N, C-alpha and C. Protein backbone atom coordinates (compact mmCIF):
# COMPACT_ATOMS: atom_id res chain seq x y z
N UNK A 1 -81.43 -28.75 13.09
CA UNK A 1 -80.82 -29.88 13.58
C UNK A 1 -79.86 -30.85 12.90
N UNK A 2 -78.50 -30.79 13.03
CA UNK A 2 -77.37 -31.78 12.21
C UNK A 2 -78.04 -33.28 12.81
N UNK A 3 -77.49 -34.17 11.86
CA UNK A 3 -77.72 -35.60 11.85
C UNK A 3 -76.89 -36.15 13.12
N UNK A 4 -75.98 -35.88 13.55
CA UNK A 4 -75.44 -36.08 14.93
C UNK A 4 -75.94 -35.96 15.97
N UNK A 5 -76.72 -34.44 15.97
CA UNK A 5 -77.79 -34.15 16.83
C UNK A 5 -78.83 -35.07 17.03
N UNK A 6 -79.22 -35.30 15.95
CA UNK A 6 -80.68 -36.22 15.95
C UNK A 6 -80.31 -37.48 16.64
N UNK A 7 -79.12 -38.17 16.40
CA UNK A 7 -78.87 -39.59 17.02
C UNK A 7 -78.73 -39.16 18.30
N UNK A 8 -78.15 -38.55 18.79
CA UNK A 8 -77.49 -38.06 20.14
C UNK A 8 -79.19 -38.01 20.98
N UNK A 9 -80.05 -37.07 20.21
CA UNK A 9 -81.29 -36.96 20.93
C UNK A 9 -81.89 -38.12 21.08
N UNK A 10 -82.24 -39.20 19.99
CA UNK A 10 -82.91 -40.08 20.44
C UNK A 10 -82.05 -41.81 20.54
N UNK A 11 -80.93 -41.18 20.81
CA UNK A 11 -79.94 -42.54 21.23
C UNK A 11 -79.94 -43.33 22.64
N UNK A 12 -81.11 -42.53 23.61
CA UNK A 12 -81.36 -42.97 24.41
C UNK A 12 -82.68 -44.08 24.58
N UNK A 13 -83.50 -43.91 23.67
CA UNK A 13 -84.76 -44.31 23.35
C UNK A 13 -84.38 -45.48 22.39
N UNK A 14 -83.30 -45.17 21.46
CA UNK A 14 -82.77 -46.22 20.20
C UNK A 14 -81.57 -46.40 20.46
N UNK A 15 -80.99 -47.61 21.25
CA UNK A 15 -79.79 -47.35 21.79
C UNK A 15 -78.67 -47.80 20.22
N UNK A 16 -79.04 -48.39 19.65
CA UNK A 16 -78.63 -49.13 18.04
C UNK A 16 -78.48 -47.98 17.16
N UNK A 17 -79.16 -47.23 17.41
CA UNK A 17 -79.50 -46.39 15.94
C UNK A 17 -77.69 -45.32 15.89
N UNK A 18 -77.72 -45.34 14.64
CA UNK A 18 -76.61 -44.41 14.37
C UNK A 18 -76.57 -43.87 13.15
N UNK A 19 -75.57 -43.04 12.59
CA UNK A 19 -75.83 -42.12 11.59
C UNK A 19 -76.01 -42.82 10.42
N UNK A 20 -75.73 -43.90 9.72
CA UNK A 20 -75.82 -44.78 8.75
C UNK A 20 -77.21 -45.18 8.91
N UNK A 21 -77.72 -45.62 10.10
CA UNK A 21 -79.17 -45.91 10.19
C UNK A 21 -80.06 -44.84 9.47
N UNK A 22 -79.50 -43.85 9.89
CA UNK A 22 -80.73 -42.78 9.84
C UNK A 22 -80.51 -42.06 8.27
N UNK A 23 -79.64 -42.26 7.63
CA UNK A 23 -79.12 -42.14 5.84
C UNK A 23 -79.89 -43.17 5.50
N UNK A 24 -79.72 -43.92 6.02
CA UNK A 24 -80.78 -45.60 5.27
C UNK A 24 -81.98 -44.87 5.16
N UNK A 25 -82.59 -44.82 6.52
CA UNK A 25 -83.97 -44.62 6.32
C UNK A 25 -84.55 -43.04 5.75
N UNK A 26 -83.33 -42.33 5.45
CA UNK A 26 -83.85 -41.09 4.40
C UNK A 26 -83.58 -41.81 3.06
N UNK A 27 -82.75 -42.37 2.83
CA UNK A 27 -82.59 -43.28 1.34
C UNK A 27 -83.57 -43.85 0.79
N UNK A 28 -84.45 -44.65 2.00
CA UNK A 28 -85.66 -45.46 1.88
C UNK A 28 -86.76 -44.33 1.85
N UNK A 29 -87.16 -43.46 2.19
CA UNK A 29 -88.15 -42.37 1.81
C UNK A 29 -88.90 -42.18 3.08
N UNK A 30 -87.94 -42.59 4.50
CA UNK A 30 -89.17 -42.25 5.59
C UNK A 30 -88.80 -40.99 6.00
N UNK A 31 -87.93 -40.50 5.79
CA UNK A 31 -87.78 -39.05 6.25
C UNK A 31 -87.16 -37.94 5.16
N UNK A 32 -86.79 -36.67 4.99
CA UNK A 32 -86.45 -36.03 4.25
C UNK A 32 -86.31 -34.89 4.43
N UNK A 33 -85.13 -34.67 4.83
CA UNK A 33 -84.89 -33.61 5.91
C UNK A 33 -84.05 -32.58 4.47
N UNK A 34 -84.45 -31.17 5.03
CA UNK A 34 -83.82 -29.99 4.21
C UNK A 34 -82.19 -29.91 3.96
N UNK A 35 -82.20 -29.84 2.89
CA UNK A 35 -80.60 -29.40 2.14
C UNK A 35 -80.32 -27.98 2.67
N UNK A 36 -79.45 -27.74 3.31
CA UNK A 36 -78.98 -26.08 2.76
C UNK A 36 -77.99 -25.90 1.87
N UNK A 37 -77.78 -24.65 1.39
CA UNK A 37 -76.70 -24.50 0.43
C UNK A 37 -75.37 -25.15 0.22
N UNK A 38 -74.89 -25.61 1.40
CA UNK A 38 -73.71 -26.63 1.23
C UNK A 38 -73.99 -28.27 1.21
N UNK A 39 -75.06 -28.33 0.93
CA UNK A 39 -75.55 -29.75 1.01
C UNK A 39 -76.11 -30.47 2.08
N UNK A 40 -75.31 -29.56 2.90
CA UNK A 40 -75.51 -30.37 4.72
C UNK A 40 -76.97 -30.47 5.26
N UNK A 41 -77.48 -31.78 5.46
CA UNK A 41 -78.86 -32.13 5.98
C UNK A 41 -79.53 -31.15 7.14
N UNK A 42 -80.55 -30.69 7.40
CA UNK A 42 -81.16 -29.95 8.37
C UNK A 42 -82.26 -30.55 8.99
N UNK A 43 -82.32 -31.01 10.39
CA UNK A 43 -83.84 -32.04 10.64
C UNK A 43 -84.41 -30.97 11.25
N UNK A 44 -85.49 -31.43 10.92
CA UNK A 44 -86.71 -30.34 11.82
C UNK A 44 -87.24 -31.20 13.14
N UNK A 45 -88.33 -30.33 13.78
CA UNK A 45 -88.69 -31.37 14.81
C UNK A 45 -89.59 -32.55 14.19
N UNK A 46 -90.29 -32.05 12.87
CA UNK A 46 -91.41 -33.20 12.20
C UNK A 46 -90.27 -34.35 11.79
N UNK A 47 -88.95 -33.77 11.26
CA UNK A 47 -88.34 -34.88 11.11
C UNK A 47 -88.01 -35.95 11.97
N UNK A 48 -87.64 -35.54 13.08
CA UNK A 48 -87.36 -36.36 14.51
C UNK A 48 -88.52 -37.21 14.68
N UNK A 49 -89.68 -36.53 14.83
CA UNK A 49 -90.51 -37.28 14.91
C UNK A 49 -91.05 -38.60 14.19
N UNK A 50 -90.80 -38.31 12.67
CA UNK A 50 -91.09 -39.06 11.59
C UNK A 50 -90.06 -40.01 12.13
N UNK A 51 -88.90 -39.87 12.52
CA UNK A 51 -87.72 -40.88 12.52
C UNK A 51 -88.46 -41.26 13.67
N UNK A 52 -88.67 -40.88 14.78
CA UNK A 52 -89.01 -42.03 16.14
C UNK A 52 -90.35 -42.94 15.79
N UNK A 53 -91.05 -42.37 14.84
CA UNK A 53 -92.36 -43.25 14.48
C UNK A 53 -91.85 -44.18 13.73
N UNK A 54 -90.73 -44.43 12.97
CA UNK A 54 -90.30 -45.38 12.37
C UNK A 54 -89.62 -46.10 12.86
N UNK A 55 -89.03 -45.83 13.60
CA UNK A 55 -88.04 -46.58 14.61
C UNK A 55 -88.67 -47.18 15.38
N UNK A 56 -89.89 -46.71 16.20
CA UNK A 56 -90.71 -47.50 17.05
C UNK A 56 -91.47 -48.84 16.35
N UNK A 57 -91.76 -48.22 15.00
CA UNK A 57 -92.59 -49.35 14.53
C UNK A 57 -91.81 -50.25 13.95
N UNK A 58 -90.34 -50.08 13.53
CA UNK A 58 -89.80 -50.99 13.63
C UNK A 58 -89.33 -52.07 14.73
N UNK A 59 -89.14 -51.49 15.90
CA UNK A 59 -88.79 -52.28 16.92
C UNK A 59 -89.84 -52.84 17.64
N UNK A 60 -90.72 -52.15 17.78
CA UNK A 60 -91.82 -52.55 18.46
C UNK A 60 -92.81 -53.61 17.51
N UNK A 61 -93.15 -53.24 16.38
CA UNK A 61 -93.77 -54.06 15.80
C UNK A 61 -93.11 -54.78 14.20
N UNK A 62 -92.07 -54.98 14.45
CA UNK A 62 -91.08 -55.39 13.20
C UNK A 62 -91.75 -55.02 11.97
N UNK A 63 -92.49 -53.87 11.62
CA UNK A 63 -92.95 -53.72 10.62
C UNK A 63 -92.01 -53.68 9.29
N UNK A 64 -92.32 -53.95 7.91
CA UNK A 64 -91.31 -53.69 6.66
C UNK A 64 -91.20 -52.36 6.57
N UNK A 65 -90.37 -51.70 6.19
CA UNK A 65 -90.57 -50.17 5.73
C UNK A 65 -91.46 -50.05 4.83
N UNK A 66 -91.92 -50.61 3.84
CA UNK A 66 -93.05 -50.30 2.80
C UNK A 66 -94.46 -50.16 3.58
N UNK A 67 -94.64 -50.78 5.04
CA UNK A 67 -96.17 -50.66 5.79
C UNK A 67 -95.64 -49.05 6.46
N UNK A 68 -94.61 -48.63 6.83
CA UNK A 68 -94.43 -47.54 7.66
C UNK A 68 -94.17 -46.52 6.96
N UNK A 69 -94.00 -46.98 5.60
CA UNK A 69 -94.13 -45.66 4.37
C UNK A 69 -95.71 -45.28 4.41
N UNK A 70 -96.01 -46.49 4.08
CA UNK A 70 -97.60 -45.98 3.82
C UNK A 70 -98.25 -45.36 4.95
N UNK A 71 -97.88 -46.11 6.12
CA UNK A 71 -98.70 -45.36 7.23
C UNK A 71 -97.93 -43.72 7.37
N UNK A 72 -96.80 -43.43 7.03
CA UNK A 72 -96.59 -41.85 7.10
C UNK A 72 -97.27 -41.10 5.94
N UNK A 73 -97.38 -41.83 4.85
CA UNK A 73 -97.98 -41.11 3.71
C UNK A 73 -99.49 -40.73 3.95
N UNK A 74 -99.91 -41.66 5.15
CA UNK A 74 -101.27 -41.40 5.15
C UNK A 74 -101.39 -40.46 6.28
N UNK A 75 -100.61 -40.43 7.19
CA UNK A 75 -100.48 -39.32 7.96
C UNK A 75 -100.24 -37.99 7.22
N UNK A 76 -99.32 -38.10 6.37
CA UNK A 76 -99.34 -36.62 5.44
C UNK A 76 -100.59 -36.08 4.55
N UNK A 77 -101.56 -37.15 4.57
CA UNK A 77 -102.47 -36.51 3.81
C UNK A 77 -103.67 -35.93 4.84
N UNK A 78 -103.41 -35.82 5.90
CA UNK A 78 -103.98 -35.14 6.80
C UNK A 78 -103.38 -33.80 6.95
N UNK A 79 -103.83 -32.63 6.25
CA UNK A 79 -103.50 -31.22 6.33
C UNK A 79 -103.85 -30.50 7.23
N UNK A 80 -104.49 -31.23 8.37
CA UNK A 80 -105.15 -30.08 9.58
C UNK A 80 -103.81 -30.07 10.64
N UNK A 81 -102.82 -31.04 10.77
CA UNK A 81 -102.10 -30.92 11.67
C UNK A 81 -100.66 -31.03 11.23
N UNK A 82 -99.93 -31.01 11.99
CA UNK A 82 -98.36 -30.68 12.08
C UNK A 82 -97.88 -32.16 12.01
N UNK A 83 -96.75 -32.40 11.32
CA UNK A 83 -96.56 -34.24 11.44
C UNK A 83 -95.92 -34.61 12.86
N UNK A 84 -95.77 -33.68 13.68
CA UNK A 84 -95.37 -34.12 15.16
C UNK A 84 -96.81 -35.02 15.76
N UNK A 85 -98.14 -33.86 15.67
CA UNK A 85 -99.16 -34.11 16.19
C UNK A 85 -99.93 -35.13 15.34
N UNK A 86 -99.46 -35.37 14.05
CA UNK A 86 -100.20 -36.61 12.93
C UNK A 86 -99.43 -37.82 14.01
N UNK A 87 -98.20 -37.97 14.04
CA UNK A 87 -97.77 -39.36 14.88
C UNK A 87 -98.51 -39.36 15.82
N UNK A 88 -98.29 -38.51 16.88
CA UNK A 88 -98.77 -38.78 18.12
C UNK A 88 -100.12 -39.31 17.93
N UNK A 89 -101.29 -38.69 17.19
CA UNK A 89 -102.64 -38.84 17.54
C UNK A 89 -102.43 -40.46 16.79
N UNK A 90 -101.94 -41.10 15.45
CA UNK A 90 -101.85 -42.23 15.04
C UNK A 90 -101.39 -43.36 16.09
N UNK A 91 -100.37 -43.11 16.73
CA UNK A 91 -100.14 -44.19 17.80
C UNK A 91 -100.95 -44.14 18.94
N UNK A 92 -101.56 -43.19 19.48
CA UNK A 92 -102.89 -43.32 20.13
C UNK A 92 -104.13 -43.80 19.85
N UNK A 93 -104.20 -43.67 18.56
CA UNK A 93 -105.55 -44.25 18.07
C UNK A 93 -105.37 -45.54 17.67
N UNK A 94 -104.04 -46.39 17.26
CA UNK A 94 -103.73 -47.47 16.96
C UNK A 94 -103.64 -48.31 18.62
N UNK A 95 -104.09 -47.84 19.60
CA UNK A 95 -103.48 -48.37 21.00
C UNK A 95 -102.29 -48.77 21.17
N UNK A 96 -101.22 -48.25 20.66
CA UNK A 96 -99.99 -48.42 20.94
C UNK A 96 -99.16 -47.53 22.02
N UNK A 97 -99.81 -47.04 22.90
CA UNK A 97 -99.20 -46.04 24.00
C UNK A 97 -99.31 -47.18 25.26
N UNK A 98 -99.71 -47.94 25.19
CA UNK A 98 -99.66 -48.64 26.39
C UNK A 98 -98.21 -49.10 26.68
N UNK A 99 -97.63 -49.02 27.89
CA UNK A 99 -96.07 -49.24 28.06
C UNK A 99 -96.00 -50.13 29.30
N UNK A 100 -94.95 -50.82 29.36
CA UNK A 100 -94.82 -51.59 30.65
C UNK A 100 -95.09 -52.90 30.31
N UNK A 101 -94.80 -53.85 31.09
CA UNK A 101 -95.04 -55.13 30.94
C UNK A 101 -96.39 -55.61 31.29
N UNK A 102 -96.81 -56.36 30.62
CA UNK A 102 -98.35 -56.94 30.76
C UNK A 102 -98.36 -58.42 31.39
N UNK A 103 -100.01 -58.55 31.39
CA UNK A 103 -99.95 -59.79 31.95
C UNK A 103 -101.46 -60.56 31.17
N UNK A 104 -101.79 -61.72 30.92
CA UNK A 104 -102.41 -62.26 30.18
C UNK A 104 -103.51 -61.62 30.03
N UNK A 105 -104.06 -60.86 31.52
CA UNK A 105 -105.40 -60.43 31.48
C UNK A 105 -105.29 -59.30 30.40
N UNK A 106 -104.33 -58.39 30.86
CA UNK A 106 -103.99 -57.04 30.03
C UNK A 106 -104.21 -57.35 28.51
N UNK A 107 -103.68 -58.49 27.95
CA UNK A 107 -103.83 -58.54 26.52
C UNK A 107 -105.35 -58.84 26.13
N UNK A 108 -105.69 -59.48 26.88
CA UNK A 108 -107.71 -60.05 26.85
C UNK A 108 -108.09 -59.13 26.94
N UNK A 109 -107.80 -57.88 27.54
CA UNK A 109 -108.56 -56.59 27.92
C UNK A 109 -108.07 -55.78 26.28
N UNK A 110 -106.94 -55.55 26.34
CA UNK A 110 -106.74 -54.47 25.10
C UNK A 110 -106.60 -55.07 23.83
N UNK A 111 -106.81 -56.43 23.24
CA UNK A 111 -106.75 -56.85 22.38
C UNK A 111 -108.19 -57.62 22.14
N UNK A 112 -109.27 -57.24 23.15
CA UNK A 112 -110.48 -58.23 23.14
C UNK A 112 -110.52 -59.42 22.58
N UNK A 113 -109.55 -60.31 22.94
CA UNK A 113 -109.30 -61.63 23.26
C UNK A 113 -110.20 -62.36 24.03
N UNK A 114 -110.01 -63.95 24.21
CA UNK A 114 -110.09 -64.26 25.43
C UNK A 114 -109.04 -65.02 25.93
N UNK A 115 -109.10 -65.28 27.00
CA UNK A 115 -107.63 -66.19 27.84
C UNK A 115 -107.35 -67.37 27.05
N UNK A 116 -108.27 -68.12 26.32
CA UNK A 116 -107.96 -69.38 25.68
C UNK A 116 -107.25 -69.21 24.66
N UNK A 117 -107.66 -67.52 23.65
CA UNK A 117 -106.97 -67.35 22.38
C UNK A 117 -105.31 -67.18 23.10
N UNK A 118 -105.33 -66.31 24.15
CA UNK A 118 -103.98 -65.82 24.57
C UNK A 118 -102.87 -67.03 24.90
N UNK A 119 -103.82 -68.22 25.61
CA UNK A 119 -102.90 -69.75 25.96
C UNK A 119 -102.40 -69.92 24.39
N UNK A 120 -103.00 -70.04 23.41
CA UNK A 120 -103.19 -71.30 22.37
C UNK A 120 -101.98 -69.99 21.65
N UNK A 121 -102.02 -68.71 21.84
CA UNK A 121 -100.75 -68.13 21.32
C UNK A 121 -99.53 -68.70 22.05
N UNK A 122 -99.81 -68.53 22.79
CA UNK A 122 -98.35 -68.73 23.83
C UNK A 122 -97.93 -70.12 23.50
N UNK A 123 -99.09 -71.16 23.65
CA UNK A 123 -98.68 -72.64 23.05
C UNK A 123 -97.87 -72.79 21.96
N UNK A 124 -98.21 -71.94 20.81
CA UNK A 124 -97.83 -72.31 19.71
C UNK A 124 -96.47 -71.20 19.08
N UNK A 125 -95.93 -70.67 20.73
CA UNK A 125 -95.06 -69.58 20.62
C UNK A 125 -94.86 -68.55 19.97
N UNK A 126 -96.47 -67.97 19.21
CA UNK A 126 -96.43 -66.59 18.64
C UNK A 126 -96.33 -65.55 19.70
N UNK A 127 -96.41 -65.46 21.03
CA UNK A 127 -96.34 -64.60 22.19
C UNK A 127 -95.41 -65.46 23.07
N UNK A 128 -94.67 -64.93 23.75
CA UNK A 128 -93.82 -65.91 24.94
C UNK A 128 -93.66 -64.68 26.11
N UNK A 129 -94.05 -65.55 27.28
CA UNK A 129 -94.26 -64.42 28.36
C UNK A 129 -92.63 -64.61 28.81
N UNK A 130 -92.48 -63.59 29.95
CA UNK A 130 -91.01 -63.82 30.60
C UNK A 130 -91.15 -65.01 31.54
N UNK A 131 -90.07 -64.69 32.54
CA UNK A 131 -90.50 -66.08 33.86
C UNK A 131 -91.13 -65.61 34.94
N UNK A 132 -91.95 -64.58 34.56
CA UNK A 132 -93.00 -64.03 35.77
C UNK A 132 -94.13 -64.00 34.92
N UNK A 133 -94.38 -64.75 33.94
CA UNK A 133 -95.70 -64.41 32.89
C UNK A 133 -96.03 -63.19 32.40
N UNK A 134 -94.93 -62.48 32.40
CA UNK A 134 -95.53 -61.09 31.67
C UNK A 134 -95.21 -60.60 30.27
N UNK A 135 -95.35 -59.89 29.61
CA UNK A 135 -95.61 -59.80 28.18
C UNK A 135 -95.32 -58.36 27.89
N UNK A 136 -94.34 -58.13 26.80
CA UNK A 136 -93.85 -56.77 26.71
C UNK A 136 -94.89 -56.02 25.92
N UNK A 137 -94.73 -55.19 25.80
CA UNK A 137 -95.86 -54.29 25.05
C UNK A 137 -95.55 -54.75 23.13
N UNK A 138 -94.85 -55.12 22.69
CA UNK A 138 -95.14 -55.86 21.16
C UNK A 138 -96.01 -56.92 21.32
N UNK A 139 -95.97 -57.45 22.36
CA UNK A 139 -97.53 -58.62 22.25
C UNK A 139 -98.71 -58.17 22.10
N UNK A 140 -98.82 -56.86 22.34
CA UNK A 140 -100.19 -56.42 21.67
C UNK A 140 -100.54 -56.00 20.02
N UNK A 141 -99.63 -55.36 19.43
CA UNK A 141 -99.64 -56.06 18.27
C UNK A 141 -99.67 -57.17 17.64
N UNK A 142 -98.75 -58.34 18.31
CA UNK A 142 -99.05 -59.42 17.67
C UNK A 142 -99.97 -59.99 17.97
N UNK A 143 -100.87 -60.19 19.07
CA UNK A 143 -102.08 -60.56 19.40
C UNK A 143 -102.94 -60.31 18.24
N UNK A 144 -102.84 -58.88 18.11
CA UNK A 144 -104.19 -57.90 17.67
C UNK A 144 -103.72 -59.01 15.56
N UNK A 145 -102.57 -59.00 15.43
CA UNK A 145 -102.71 -59.33 13.96
C UNK A 145 -103.24 -60.95 13.82
N UNK A 146 -102.59 -61.46 15.30
CA UNK A 146 -103.04 -63.21 14.94
C UNK A 146 -104.62 -63.00 14.99
N UNK A 147 -105.14 -62.50 16.03
CA UNK A 147 -106.86 -62.46 16.05
C UNK A 147 -107.41 -62.12 14.50
N UNK A 148 -106.57 -61.16 14.07
CA UNK A 148 -106.94 -60.79 12.58
C UNK A 148 -106.76 -61.80 11.56
N UNK A 149 -105.82 -62.45 11.59
CA UNK A 149 -105.42 -63.52 10.64
C UNK A 149 -106.37 -64.80 11.23
N UNK A 150 -107.03 -65.04 12.12
CA UNK A 150 -108.04 -66.05 12.44
C UNK A 150 -109.35 -66.02 12.24
N UNK A 151 -109.61 -64.36 12.19
CA UNK A 151 -110.97 -63.75 11.37
C UNK A 151 -110.93 -64.25 9.80
N UNK A 152 -109.75 -64.04 9.62
CA UNK A 152 -109.70 -64.09 8.06
C UNK A 152 -109.51 -65.73 7.26
N UNK A 153 -109.38 -66.76 8.19
CA UNK A 153 -109.44 -67.88 8.06
C UNK A 153 -108.47 -69.12 8.27
N UNK A 154 -107.34 -68.24 9.06
CA UNK A 154 -105.96 -68.83 9.37
C UNK A 154 -106.30 -69.26 10.72
N UNK A 155 -106.69 -70.45 11.05
CA UNK A 155 -106.56 -70.66 12.54
C UNK A 155 -105.29 -70.41 13.49
N UNK A 156 -105.41 -70.13 14.81
CA UNK A 156 -104.20 -69.58 15.32
C UNK A 156 -103.31 -71.01 15.52
N UNK A 157 -103.63 -72.13 15.80
CA UNK A 157 -103.02 -73.25 15.64
C UNK A 157 -101.56 -73.10 14.68
N UNK A 158 -102.29 -73.05 13.67
CA UNK A 158 -101.49 -72.77 12.13
C UNK A 158 -100.69 -71.49 12.12
N UNK A 159 -100.41 -70.43 13.29
CA UNK A 159 -99.79 -69.69 13.00
C UNK A 159 -98.39 -70.19 13.33
N UNK A 160 -98.09 -71.12 14.01
CA UNK A 160 -96.77 -71.72 14.35
C UNK A 160 -95.72 -71.79 13.09
N UNK A 161 -96.30 -72.21 11.81
CA UNK A 161 -95.56 -72.14 10.64
C UNK A 161 -95.15 -70.71 10.25
N UNK A 162 -95.71 -69.76 10.74
CA UNK A 162 -95.48 -68.38 10.41
C UNK A 162 -94.17 -67.97 11.38
N UNK A 163 -94.41 -68.89 13.00
CA UNK A 163 -93.35 -68.28 13.74
C UNK A 163 -92.24 -68.82 13.31
N UNK A 164 -92.35 -69.75 13.08
CA UNK A 164 -90.77 -70.55 12.66
C UNK A 164 -90.34 -69.97 11.56
N UNK A 165 -91.34 -69.88 10.28
CA UNK A 165 -90.47 -69.04 9.23
C UNK A 165 -89.81 -67.75 9.60
N UNK A 166 -90.40 -66.98 10.78
CA UNK A 166 -89.72 -66.00 11.00
C UNK A 166 -88.44 -66.14 11.84
N UNK A 167 -88.48 -67.41 12.73
CA UNK A 167 -87.08 -67.58 13.14
C UNK A 167 -85.84 -67.97 12.41
N UNK A 168 -86.50 -68.88 11.21
CA UNK A 168 -85.75 -69.57 10.15
C UNK A 168 -84.75 -67.75 9.50
N UNK A 169 -85.73 -66.85 9.22
CA UNK A 169 -85.19 -65.62 9.02
C UNK A 169 -84.15 -64.81 9.85
N UNK A 170 -84.56 -64.93 11.00
CA UNK A 170 -83.86 -64.25 11.98
C UNK A 170 -82.10 -64.94 12.42
N UNK A 171 -82.26 -66.39 12.11
CA UNK A 171 -80.98 -67.20 11.79
C UNK A 171 -80.10 -66.75 10.78
N UNK A 172 -80.75 -66.25 9.54
CA UNK A 172 -80.23 -65.95 8.56
C UNK A 172 -79.80 -64.57 8.85
N UNK A 173 -80.13 -63.77 9.37
CA UNK A 173 -79.93 -62.40 10.11
C UNK A 173 -78.74 -62.37 11.09
N UNK A 174 -78.54 -63.30 11.59
CA UNK A 174 -77.55 -63.81 12.80
C UNK A 174 -76.37 -63.83 11.96
N UNK A 175 -76.36 -64.69 10.98
CA UNK A 175 -75.28 -65.14 10.28
C UNK A 175 -74.65 -64.31 9.55
N UNK A 176 -75.56 -63.47 8.93
CA UNK A 176 -74.66 -62.59 8.03
C UNK A 176 -74.21 -61.27 8.74
N UNK A 177 -74.55 -61.10 10.29
CA UNK A 177 -74.39 -59.69 10.91
C UNK A 177 -73.55 -60.50 12.05
N UNK A 178 -72.96 -61.63 12.21
CA UNK A 178 -72.12 -62.03 13.31
C UNK A 178 -70.81 -61.43 13.56
N UNK A 179 -70.10 -61.25 12.17
CA UNK A 179 -69.15 -60.31 12.30
C UNK A 179 -69.02 -59.14 12.99
N UNK A 180 -70.23 -58.31 12.41
CA UNK A 180 -70.07 -56.98 13.17
C UNK A 180 -70.40 -57.08 14.57
N UNK A 181 -71.16 -57.87 14.99
CA UNK A 181 -71.49 -58.37 16.29
C UNK A 181 -70.24 -58.52 17.38
N UNK A 182 -69.65 -59.24 16.37
CA UNK A 182 -67.99 -59.51 17.20
C UNK A 182 -67.30 -58.28 17.58
N UNK A 183 -67.56 -57.36 16.48
CA UNK A 183 -66.53 -56.15 16.99
C UNK A 183 -67.25 -55.35 17.71
N UNK A 184 -68.59 -55.14 17.49
CA UNK A 184 -69.18 -54.23 18.10
C UNK A 184 -70.73 -54.63 18.20
N UNK A 185 -71.05 -54.72 19.62
CA UNK A 185 -72.81 -55.34 19.71
C UNK A 185 -73.48 -54.15 19.07
N UNK A 186 -73.44 -52.62 19.11
CA UNK A 186 -73.94 -51.77 18.80
C UNK A 186 -74.51 -51.96 17.22
N UNK A 187 -72.91 -52.12 16.54
CA UNK A 187 -72.81 -52.19 14.89
C UNK A 187 -73.58 -53.32 14.45
N UNK A 188 -73.69 -54.11 15.23
CA UNK A 188 -74.26 -55.73 15.13
C UNK A 188 -75.81 -55.51 15.14
N UNK A 189 -75.97 -54.52 16.24
CA UNK A 189 -77.65 -54.65 16.27
C UNK A 189 -78.22 -53.59 15.25
N UNK A 190 -77.27 -52.58 14.95
CA UNK A 190 -77.91 -51.84 13.75
C UNK A 190 -78.15 -52.44 12.42
N UNK A 191 -77.04 -53.47 11.86
CA UNK A 191 -76.50 -54.26 11.04
C UNK A 191 -78.35 -55.37 10.77
N UNK A 192 -78.28 -55.87 11.92
CA UNK A 192 -79.49 -56.63 12.11
C UNK A 192 -80.66 -55.88 11.87
N UNK A 193 -80.76 -54.86 12.41
CA UNK A 193 -82.04 -54.03 12.55
C UNK A 193 -82.30 -53.47 11.10
N UNK A 194 -81.21 -53.21 10.19
CA UNK A 194 -81.51 -52.83 9.05
C UNK A 194 -81.59 -54.22 7.95
N UNK A 195 -81.19 -54.74 8.17
CA UNK A 195 -81.57 -56.07 7.09
C UNK A 195 -82.54 -57.11 7.42
N UNK A 196 -83.06 -56.85 8.95
CA UNK A 196 -84.50 -57.19 9.11
C UNK A 196 -85.63 -56.12 8.20
N UNK A 197 -85.27 -55.21 8.30
CA UNK A 197 -86.21 -54.50 7.48
C UNK A 197 -86.34 -54.63 5.94
N UNK A 198 -85.35 -55.00 5.07
CA UNK A 198 -84.88 -55.21 4.25
C UNK A 198 -85.33 -56.75 3.70
N UNK A 199 -85.31 -57.40 4.73
CA UNK A 199 -85.71 -59.07 4.35
C UNK A 199 -87.46 -58.97 4.55
N UNK A 200 -87.99 -58.14 5.55
CA UNK A 200 -89.23 -57.98 5.54
C UNK A 200 -90.04 -57.06 4.30
N UNK A 201 -89.51 -56.58 3.77
CA UNK A 201 -89.82 -55.79 2.26
C UNK A 201 -89.95 -56.77 1.58
N UNK A 202 -88.52 -57.72 1.48
CA UNK A 202 -88.60 -58.81 0.26
C UNK A 202 -89.49 -59.92 0.83
N UNK A 203 -90.08 -60.03 1.74
CA UNK A 203 -91.36 -61.39 2.34
C UNK A 203 -92.35 -61.17 1.91
N UNK A 204 -92.59 -59.58 1.73
CA UNK A 204 -93.72 -58.98 1.19
C UNK A 204 -94.14 -59.28 0.07
N UNK A 205 -92.97 -58.79 -0.75
CA UNK A 205 -93.07 -59.00 -2.06
C UNK A 205 -93.18 -60.67 -2.66
N UNK A 206 -92.39 -61.24 -1.94
CA UNK A 206 -92.54 -62.59 -2.45
C UNK A 206 -93.82 -63.22 -1.80
N UNK A 207 -94.40 -62.82 -1.08
CA UNK A 207 -95.54 -63.62 -0.60
C UNK A 207 -96.43 -63.22 -1.57
N UNK A 208 -96.56 -61.70 -1.87
CA UNK A 208 -97.64 -61.53 -2.77
C UNK A 208 -97.81 -61.82 -3.99
N UNK A 209 -96.24 -62.68 -4.78
CA UNK A 209 -96.12 -63.07 -6.09
C UNK A 209 -96.54 -64.47 -5.87
N UNK A 210 -96.26 -64.93 -4.42
CA UNK A 210 -96.79 -66.72 -4.42
C UNK A 210 -98.23 -66.78 -4.32
N UNK A 211 -99.02 -65.61 -3.87
CA UNK A 211 -100.12 -65.72 -3.61
C UNK A 211 -100.72 -65.29 -4.93
N UNK A 212 -100.55 -64.51 -5.87
CA UNK A 212 -100.97 -64.21 -7.23
C UNK A 212 -100.79 -65.40 -8.34
N UNK A 213 -99.67 -66.42 -7.66
CA UNK A 213 -99.52 -67.45 -8.38
C UNK A 213 -100.43 -68.50 -8.54
N UNK A 214 -101.34 -68.25 -7.08
CA UNK A 214 -102.44 -69.45 -6.99
C UNK A 214 -103.30 -69.12 -8.04
N UNK A 215 -103.98 -67.96 -8.44
CA UNK A 215 -105.15 -67.47 -9.10
C UNK A 215 -105.12 -68.24 -10.28
């Protein structure tokens, strides 16, 4: 399958996807299409599934590419299943097959949280319900990570600072991509997604360095 066909295939799920985005993810080592004699790339079903997994993790969990790359490497280590099956199994095992709008009771059930914890996360702005009191599926992973941070010693109320830091980074991205968004909404969304992935990786690197400096 050619790169344009891959983009067309996944465009319905990821409207901002472009040829440049696919090539960027290839350059970052997330996918590795086969190259034929004339140098053109040919994408297999496995490549498409890896790409879908990567784009879903970016969109729904805001994961940095380094984390997605690690997950894919772990999947590649399972030689008993072809790549599409490996990806499908991990998505199911990590509980992210839940789709559609969720209410607070759903978050309590799926995340093993208490209603008080969900209310506190709403209060500090880590998750935000819509006008009908519903949450999107991304809230599942957000709540799970927040609860893990709480267990490791950071109270939920202190995550307000983490949320504020993310919002400041989003402002930086907005400023950097505004000119592209003014020309084309799709181009702006694609540029913002790519820059968000880069900043997420940079944030992880700087955070590790800062923590090491405390030792």
